[in-house]
């Protein structure tokens, strides 16, 4: 009976697997940025990532899985940037508006990629629920951080509804019915409608000064 591989061998194998997955996701992002959702073809992804097509399908059953993995990484990067440079504003509405403006600017810089990511997020593709949940979890954490202990009556409800609004506005932008400026304006309006314009000192929370 063959014994289990030593920890060193497992670690090296895990690293190689992670690097291979990273190349696949990067390849999908490059193709989407160059030509949108339809440009992400699995055979092209495998070729660009220098992996066998079967290997690609073993890790990602479809391009929606690939793009949702990329969207999770992008959302996580946004969350990390917010941690390094917290949203500005003395009250939750201002902080949330700042988050949404910054996210909008980042997404607008690569419109074809953003369109592909939103298409994957709204796709009915079977088996992507866990990927979509991962994206939603990161986005909710970003919104929760922006609220940051503010005097909000139903923070869970606000987080959920703002997430819905964010996705709806992005979908309208992808569909060409909103331009970038209007998208940012609508998201800012949503934040101000849902969140308080003032903040009481409760439970140790305190208003932030303007930067």
Protein backbone atom coordinates (compact mmCIF):
# COMPACT_ATOMS: atom_id res chain seq x y z
CA UNK A 1 0.00 0.00 0.00
CA UNK A 2 1.43 3.35 -1.03
CA UNK A 3 1.93 5.82 1.80
CA UNK A 4 0.74 9.41 1.75
CA UNK A 5 3.00 11.98 0.15
CA UNK A 6 5.18 13.92 2.61
CA UNK A 7 4.01 17.44 3.57
CA UNK A 8 6.78 19.03 1.50
CA UNK A 9 5.60 17.24 -1.63
CA UNK A 10 1.98 18.14 -0.95
CA UNK A 11 2.90 21.80 -0.40
CA UNK A 12 4.83 21.93 -3.66
CA UNK A 13 1.98 20.25 -5.51
CA UNK A 14 -0.57 22.65 -3.98
CA UNK A 15 1.57 25.61 -5.01
CA UNK A 16 1.83 24.32 -8.58
CA UNK A 17 -1.95 23.82 -8.68
CA UNK A 18 -2.58 27.34 -7.38
CA UNK A 19 -0.18 28.81 -9.95
CA UNK A 20 -1.86 26.84 -12.73
CA UNK A 21 -5.31 28.06 -11.66
CA UNK A 22 -3.97 31.58 -11.52
CA UNK A 23 -2.72 31.36 -15.10
CA UNK A 24 -6.13 30.13 -16.26
CA UNK A 25 -7.96 32.99 -14.55
CA UNK A 26 -5.43 35.53 -15.84
CA UNK A 27 -5.86 34.20 -19.37
CA UNK A 28 -9.65 34.54 -19.14
CA UNK A 29 -9.28 38.11 -17.85
CA UNK A 30 -6.94 39.04 -20.71
CA UNK A 31 -9.33 37.64 -23.30
CA UNK A 32 -12.36 39.33 -21.71
CA UNK A 33 -10.54 42.68 -21.48
CA UNK A 34 -9.68 42.46 -25.17
CA UNK A 35 -13.09 41.45 -26.50
CA UNK A 36 -15.71 40.93 -23.82
CA UNK A 37 -17.66 37.85 -22.77
CA UNK A 38 -17.85 36.19 -26.18
CA UNK A 39 -14.07 36.37 -26.58
CA UNK A 40 -13.53 34.02 -23.64
CA UNK A 41 -13.39 30.62 -25.32
CA UNK A 42 -12.18 27.69 -23.27
CA UNK A 43 -9.77 26.45 -25.93
CA UNK A 44 -8.19 29.91 -26.17
CA UNK A 45 -7.94 30.14 -22.39
CA UNK A 46 -6.17 26.77 -22.21
CA UNK A 47 -3.75 27.75 -24.97
CA UNK A 48 -2.92 31.10 -23.40
CA UNK A 49 -2.51 29.56 -19.94
CA UNK A 50 -0.38 26.73 -21.41
CA UNK A 51 -2.50 23.94 -19.93
CA UNK A 52 -4.34 21.04 -21.49
CA UNK A 53 -8.00 21.69 -22.28
CA UNK A 54 -8.96 18.77 -20.05
CA UNK A 55 -7.02 20.31 -17.17
CA UNK A 56 -8.88 23.59 -17.63
CA UNK A 57 -12.26 21.86 -17.58
CA UNK A 58 -11.26 19.90 -14.49
CA UNK A 59 -10.74 23.14 -12.59
CA UNK A 60 -13.38 25.32 -14.29
CA UNK A 61 -16.36 23.61 -15.99
CA UNK A 62 -17.23 26.73 -17.99
CA UNK A 63 -16.12 30.27 -18.73
CA UNK A 64 -18.69 31.55 -16.22
CA UNK A 65 -16.82 29.70 -13.47
CA UNK A 66 -13.58 31.28 -14.68
CA UNK A 67 -14.99 34.79 -14.83
CA UNK A 68 -16.66 34.50 -11.44
CA UNK A 69 -13.33 33.42 -9.97
CA UNK A 70 -11.81 36.53 -11.56
CA UNK A 71 -14.63 38.70 -10.18
CA UNK A 72 -14.05 37.32 -6.68
CA UNK A 73 -10.37 38.22 -6.98
CA UNK A 74 -11.21 41.73 -8.19
CA UNK A 75 -13.72 42.28 -5.39
CA UNK A 76 -11.17 41.03 -2.85
CA UNK A 77 -8.58 43.43 -4.26
CA UNK A 78 -11.08 46.29 -3.90
CA UNK A 79 -11.72 45.28 -0.29
CA UNK A 80 -7.96 45.27 0.37
CA UNK A 81 -7.60 48.73 -1.17
CA UNK A 82 -10.42 49.98 1.04
CA UNK A 83 -8.58 48.61 4.07
CA UNK A 84 -5.40 50.42 3.05
CA UNK A 85 -7.23 53.65 2.24
CA UNK A 86 -10.53 53.70 4.18
CA UNK A 87 -13.52 55.40 2.57
CA UNK A 88 -13.82 59.10 3.28
CA UNK A 89 -16.78 60.71 4.99
CA UNK A 90 -18.11 61.61 8.43
CA UNK A 91 -21.32 59.56 8.09
CA UNK A 92 -22.27 56.19 6.53
CA UNK A 93 -23.91 57.74 3.45
CA UNK A 94 -20.76 59.69 2.58
CA UNK A 95 -18.47 56.70 3.15
CA UNK A 96 -20.67 54.41 1.07
CA UNK A 97 -20.84 56.97 -1.74
CA UNK A 98 -17.04 57.19 -1.72
CA UNK A 99 -16.73 53.40 -1.96
CA UNK A 100 -19.17 53.23 -4.85
CA UNK A 101 -17.49 56.09 -6.74
CA UNK A 102 -14.07 54.47 -6.37
CA UNK A 103 -15.37 51.08 -7.45
CA UNK A 104 -17.16 52.62 -10.44
CA UNK A 105 -14.01 54.36 -11.64
CA UNK A 106 -12.04 51.11 -11.41
CA UNK A 107 -14.68 49.15 -13.33
CA UNK A 108 -15.06 51.81 -16.01
CA UNK A 109 -11.35 51.63 -16.86
CA UNK A 110 -11.85 48.17 -18.41
CA UNK A 111 -15.39 48.18 -19.80
CA UNK A 112 -15.18 44.97 -21.84
CA UNK A 113 -13.86 43.06 -18.85
CA UNK A 114 -16.51 44.52 -16.55
CA UNK A 115 -19.24 43.62 -19.04
CA UNK A 116 -17.95 40.05 -19.17
CA UNK A 117 -17.81 39.77 -15.38
CA UNK A 118 -21.34 41.12 -14.93
CA UNK A 119 -22.63 38.81 -17.66
CA UNK A 120 -21.15 35.83 -15.82
CA UNK A 121 -22.60 37.02 -12.52
CA UNK A 122 -26.11 37.24 -13.97
CA UNK A 123 -25.84 34.03 -16.00
CA UNK A 124 -28.11 31.07 -15.08
CA UNK A 125 -25.16 28.69 -15.57
CA UNK A 126 -25.60 25.63 -13.35
CA UNK A 127 -23.08 25.00 -10.62
CA UNK A 128 -21.95 28.59 -10.15
CA UNK A 129 -23.88 29.27 -6.93
CA UNK A 130 -20.82 28.91 -4.70
CA UNK A 131 -18.82 31.31 -6.89
CA UNK A 132 -21.65 33.87 -6.83
CA UNK A 133 -21.94 33.52 -3.07
CA UNK A 134 -18.21 34.20 -2.74
CA UNK A 135 -18.56 37.40 -4.79
CA UNK A 136 -21.59 38.53 -2.80
CA UNK A 137 -19.79 37.83 0.48
CA UNK A 138 -16.87 40.08 -0.45
CA UNK A 139 -19.15 42.86 -1.73
CA UNK A 140 -21.21 42.71 1.46
CA UNK A 141 -18.06 43.02 3.55
CA UNK A 142 -17.08 46.13 1.56
CA UNK A 143 -20.50 47.71 2.18
CA UNK A 144 -20.42 46.72 5.85
CA UNK A 145 -17.00 48.35 6.26
CA UNK A 146 -18.32 51.57 4.70
CA UNK A 147 -21.25 51.64 7.14
CA UNK A 148 -18.66 51.16 9.91
CA UNK A 149 -20.79 51.14 13.03
CA UNK A 150 -23.10 53.93 11.91
CA UNK A 151 -26.53 54.35 13.49
CA UNK A 152 -28.34 52.22 10.88
CA UNK A 153 -31.69 50.71 11.82
CA UNK A 154 -31.36 47.58 9.65
CA UNK A 155 -27.71 47.19 8.57
CA UNK A 156 -28.25 43.71 7.10
CA UNK A 157 -31.14 44.99 5.01
CA UNK A 158 -29.16 48.01 3.83
CA UNK A 159 -26.23 45.82 2.85
CA UNK A 160 -28.51 43.47 0.92
CA UNK A 161 -30.43 46.20 -0.89
CA UNK A 162 -27.33 48.20 -1.77
CA UNK A 163 -25.86 45.02 -3.23
CA UNK A 164 -28.96 44.59 -5.40
CA UNK A 165 -28.81 48.23 -6.53
CA UNK A 166 -25.10 47.95 -7.30
CA UNK A 167 -25.69 44.92 -9.53
CA UNK A 168 -28.73 46.50 -11.24
CA UNK A 169 -26.88 49.72 -12.04
CA UNK A 170 -23.85 47.79 -13.33
CA UNK A 171 -26.14 45.70 -15.55
CA UNK A 172 -27.75 48.86 -16.96
CA UNK A 173 -24.30 50.32 -17.64
CA UNK A 174 -23.20 47.13 -19.37
CA UNK A 175 -26.39 47.23 -21.44
CA UNK A 176 -25.63 50.78 -22.57
CA UNK A 177 -28.60 52.49 -20.89
CA UNK A 178 -26.39 54.36 -18.38
CA UNK A 179 -23.13 56.18 -18.92
CA UNK A 180 -20.34 56.14 -16.32
CA UNK A 181 -21.25 59.48 -14.78
CA UNK A 182 -24.92 58.52 -14.40
CA UNK A 183 -23.95 55.17 -12.92
CA UNK A 184 -21.84 56.88 -10.26
CA UNK A 185 -24.61 59.42 -9.59
CA UNK A 186 -27.30 56.75 -9.20
CA UNK A 187 -25.15 54.68 -6.84
CA UNK A 188 -24.42 57.78 -4.75
CA UNK A 189 -28.14 58.60 -4.60
CA UNK A 190 -28.92 55.06 -3.48
CA UNK A 191 -26.38 55.31 -0.67
CA UNK A 192 -27.83 58.62 0.53
CA UNK A 193 -31.42 57.34 0.38
CA UNK A 194 -30.66 54.18 2.33
CA UNK A 195 -28.13 55.45 4.85
CA UNK A 196 -28.34 58.20 7.48
CA UNK A 197 -26.89 61.61 6.74
CA UNK A 198 -25.91 61.97 10.40
CA UNK A 199 -24.31 59.64 12.89
CA UNK A 200 -24.85 59.48 16.61
CA UNK A 201 -22.09 58.32 18.94
CA UNK A 202 -23.37 54.87 19.95
CA UNK A 203 -21.64 51.73 21.10
CA UNK A 204 -18.22 53.30 20.75
CA UNK A 205 -18.81 54.42 17.17
CA UNK A 206 -17.84 57.98 16.42
CA UNK A 207 -18.20 60.29 13.48
CA UNK A 208 -15.20 60.51 11.21
CA UNK A 209 -13.80 63.88 10.28
CA UNK A 210 -13.63 64.85 6.63
CA UNK A 211 -10.21 64.24 5.12
